[in-house]
Amino acid sequence: MIILDTLVIGGIKFVLSRIAEAVDAQMNDVDALREELLAAQMRLELGEMSPGEFAALERDLLTRLREIRERAADEDSGTMRITGIDVSVADDDSPDDPRGR
């Protein structure tokens, strides 16, 4: 009975974690947010939405887009990038050659 309960709970945890990942991906999808904003603009032009409703929705969508960009910038700042390399070459004929040549 305990094994069965553990398997059921483990299965439920797995499914819920997959759902949470899918919802997070959908909420953080920049393209989906842009499409939603475009659809709202179309509804405003067709008279299906009042200017006040559009302004509120636009404000929320732009805030979410800004948060996504800021989060992405914060994640990118943790990576290391090579911006340049300094190279020195010693001349074999130099009198300071430690090998005595």
C-alpha atoms as a PDB file:
ATOM      1  CA  MET A   1       0.000   0.000   0.000  1.00  0.00           C
ATOM      2  CA  ILE A   2       2.839   2.394   0.831  1.00  0.00           C
ATOM      3  CA  ILE A   3       4.540   1.654  -2.495  1.00  0.00           C
ATOM      4  CA  LEU A   4       1.324   2.356  -4.364  1.00  0.00           C
ATOM      5  CA  ASP A   5       0.840   5.640  -2.493  1.00  0.00           C
ATOM      6  CA  THR A   6       4.421   6.644  -3.254  1.00  0.00           C
ATOM      7  CA  LEU A   7       3.979   5.874  -6.952  1.00  0.00           C
ATOM      8  CA  VAL A   8       0.720   7.821  -7.143  1.00  0.00           C
ATOM      9  CA  ILE A   9       2.167  10.820  -5.325  1.00  0.00           C
ATOM     10  CA  GLY A  10       5.317  10.693  -7.473  1.00  0.00           C
ATOM     11  CA  GLY A  11       3.189  10.574 -10.621  1.00  0.00           C
ATOM     12  CA  ILE A  12       1.071  13.503  -9.497  1.00  0.00           C
ATOM     13  CA  LYS A  13       4.206  15.512  -8.651  1.00  0.00           C
ATOM     14  CA  PHE A  14       5.640  14.771 -12.090  1.00  0.00           C
ATOM     15  CA  VAL A  15       2.471  15.850 -13.897  1.00  0.00           C
ATOM     16  CA  LEU A  16       2.102  19.006 -11.815  1.00  0.00           C
ATOM     17  CA  SER A  17       5.730  19.976 -12.393  1.00  0.00           C
ATOM     18  CA  ARG A  18       5.264  19.546 -16.162  1.00  0.00           C
ATOM     19  CA  ILE A  19       2.125  21.698 -16.051  1.00  0.00           C
ATOM     20  CA  ALA A  20       3.968  24.368 -14.056  1.00  0.00           C
ATOM     21  CA  GLU A  21       6.827  24.362 -16.599  1.00  0.00           C
ATOM     22  CA  ALA A  22       4.374  24.705 -19.504  1.00  0.00           C
ATOM     23  CA  VAL A  23       2.524  27.586 -17.829  1.00  0.00           C
ATOM     24  CA  ASP A  24       5.810  29.324 -17.018  1.00  0.00           C
ATOM     25  CA  ALA A  25       6.992  28.935 -20.618  1.00  0.00           C
ATOM     26  CA  GLN A  26       3.696  30.324 -21.933  1.00  0.00           C
ATOM     27  CA  MET A  27       3.732  33.288 -19.564  1.00  0.00           C
ATOM     28  CA  ASN A  28       7.342  34.112 -20.451  1.00  0.00           C
ATOM     29  CA  ASP A  29       6.903  33.747 -24.210  1.00  0.00           C
ATOM     30  CA  VAL A  30       7.630  37.148 -25.717  1.00  0.00           C
ATOM     31  CA  ASP A  31       6.020  36.236 -29.047  1.00  0.00           C
ATOM     32  CA  ALA A  32       2.774  35.174 -27.361  1.00  0.00           C
ATOM     33  CA  LEU A  33       2.642  38.455 -25.424  1.00  0.00           C
ATOM     34  CA  ARG A  34       3.216  40.456 -28.601  1.00  0.00           C
ATOM     35  CA  GLU A  35       0.443  38.537 -30.358  1.00  0.00           C
ATOM     36  CA  GLU A  36      -1.877  39.218 -27.435  1.00  0.00           C
ATOM     37  CA  LEU A  37      -1.069  42.932 -27.652  1.00  0.00           C
ATOM     38  CA  LEU A  38      -1.702  42.927 -31.402  1.00  0.00           C
ATOM     39  CA  ALA A  39      -5.027  41.136 -30.896  1.00  0.00           C
ATOM     40  CA  ALA A  40      -6.025  43.728 -28.302  1.00  0.00           C
ATOM     41  CA  GLN A  41      -5.190  46.518 -30.740  1.00  0.00           C
ATOM     42  CA  MET A  42      -7.381  44.876 -33.369  1.00  0.00           C
ATOM     43  CA  ARG A  43     -10.250  44.526 -30.882  1.00  0.00           C
ATOM     44  CA  LEU A  44      -9.868  48.222 -30.011  1.00  0.00           C
ATOM     45  CA  GLU A  45     -10.027  49.213 -33.681  1.00  0.00           C
ATOM     46  CA  LEU A  46     -13.093  47.015 -34.230  1.00  0.00           C
ATOM     47  CA  GLY A  47     -14.832  48.590 -31.247  1.00  0.00           C
ATOM     48  CA  GLU A  48     -14.903  45.357 -29.236  1.00  0.00           C
ATOM     49  CA  MET A  49     -12.839  46.944 -26.478  1.00  0.00           C
ATOM     50  CA  SER A  50     -12.959  50.366 -24.873  1.00  0.00           C
ATOM     51  CA  PRO A  51      -9.858  52.586 -24.842  1.00  0.00           C
ATOM     52  CA  GLY A  52      -9.688  52.240 -21.049  1.00  0.00           C
ATOM     53  CA  GLU A  53      -9.723  48.445 -21.214  1.00  0.00           C
ATOM     54  CA  PHE A  54      -7.067  48.523 -23.909  1.00  0.00           C
ATOM     55  CA  ALA A  55      -4.856  50.887 -21.888  1.00  0.00           C
ATOM     56  CA  ALA A  56      -5.029  48.606 -18.850  1.00  0.00           C
ATOM     57  CA  LEU A  57      -4.277  45.485 -20.884  1.00  0.00           C
ATOM     58  CA  GLU A  58      -1.470  47.225 -22.772  1.00  0.00           C
ATOM     59  CA  ARG A  59       0.096  48.400 -19.499  1.00  0.00           C
ATOM     60  CA  ASP A  60       0.005  44.869 -18.069  1.00  0.00           C
ATOM     61  CA  LEU A  61       1.451  43.283 -21.213  1.00  0.00           C
ATOM     62  CA  LEU A  62       4.241  45.833 -21.531  1.00  0.00           C
ATOM     63  CA  THR A  63       5.093  45.370 -17.850  1.00  0.00           C
ATOM     64  CA  ARG A  64       5.361  41.609 -18.360  1.00  0.00           C
ATOM     65  CA  LEU A  65       7.522  42.090 -21.457  1.00  0.00           C
ATOM     66  CA  ARG A  66       9.830  44.427 -19.541  1.00  0.00           C
ATOM     67  CA  GLU A  67      10.125  41.945 -16.651  1.00  0.00           C
ATOM     68  CA  ILE A  68      11.002  39.134 -19.068  1.00  0.00           C
ATOM     69  CA  ARG A  69      13.699  41.251 -20.724  1.00  0.00           C
ATOM     70  CA  GLU A  70      15.148  42.311 -17.366  1.00  0.00           C
ATOM     71  CA  ARG A  71      15.207  38.710 -16.144  1.00  0.00           C
ATOM     72  CA  ALA A  72      16.925  37.615 -19.356  1.00  0.00           C
ATOM     73  CA  ALA A  73      19.486  40.410 -18.994  1.00  0.00           C
ATOM     74  CA  ASP A  74      20.172  39.369 -15.393  1.00  0.00           C
ATOM     75  CA  GLU A  75      20.670  35.753 -16.459  1.00  0.00           C
ATOM     76  CA  ASP A  76      22.997  36.794 -19.287  1.00  0.00           C
ATOM     77  CA  SER A  77      25.113  38.930 -16.983  1.00  0.00           C
ATOM     78  CA  GLY A  78      26.169  35.774 -15.122  1.00  0.00           C
ATOM     79  CA  THR A  79      27.863  34.307 -18.193  1.00  0.00           C
ATOM     80  CA  MET A  80      31.469  34.929 -19.058  1.00  0.00           C
ATOM     81  CA  ARG A  81      32.486  36.193 -22.472  1.00  0.00           C
ATOM     82  CA  ILE A  82      35.933  36.533 -23.978  1.00  0.00           C
ATOM     83  CA  THR A  83      36.318  40.095 -25.167  1.00  0.00           C
ATOM     84  CA  GLY A  84      39.976  40.023 -26.137  1.00  0.00           C
ATOM     85  CA  ILE A  85      43.234  38.143 -25.868  1.00  0.00           C
ATOM     86  CA  ASP A  86      46.706  39.541 -25.172  1.00  0.00           C
ATOM     87  CA  VAL A  87      49.582  37.615 -26.756  1.00  0.00           C
ATOM     88  CA  SER A  88      53.289  38.188 -26.254  1.00  0.00           C
ATOM     89  CA  VAL A  89      55.914  36.555 -28.441  1.00  0.00           C
ATOM     90  CA  ALA A  90      59.524  36.295 -27.331  1.00  0.00           C
ATOM     91  CA  ASP A  91      62.134  36.621 -30.068  1.00  0.00           C
ATOM     92  CA  ASP A  92      64.530  33.648 -30.061  1.00  0.00           C
ATOM     93  CA  ASP A  93      67.505  35.888 -30.947  1.00  0.00           C
ATOM     94  CA  SER A  94      67.042  38.273 -28.043  1.00  0.00           C
ATOM     95  CA  PRO A  95      69.957  38.640 -25.579  1.00  0.00           C
ATOM     96  CA  ASP A  96      67.537  38.180 -22.676  1.00  0.00           C
ATOM     97  CA  ASP A  97      66.692  34.653 -23.752  1.00  0.00           C
ATOM     98  CA  PRO A  98      66.947  32.515 -20.571  1.00  0.00           C
ATOM     99  CA  ARG A  99      67.842  29.426 -22.578  1.00  0.00           C
ATOM    100  CA  GLY A 100      71.202  30.954 -23.477  1.00  0.00           C
ATOM    101  CA  ARG A 101      70.767  31.092 -27.211  1.00  0.00           C
END
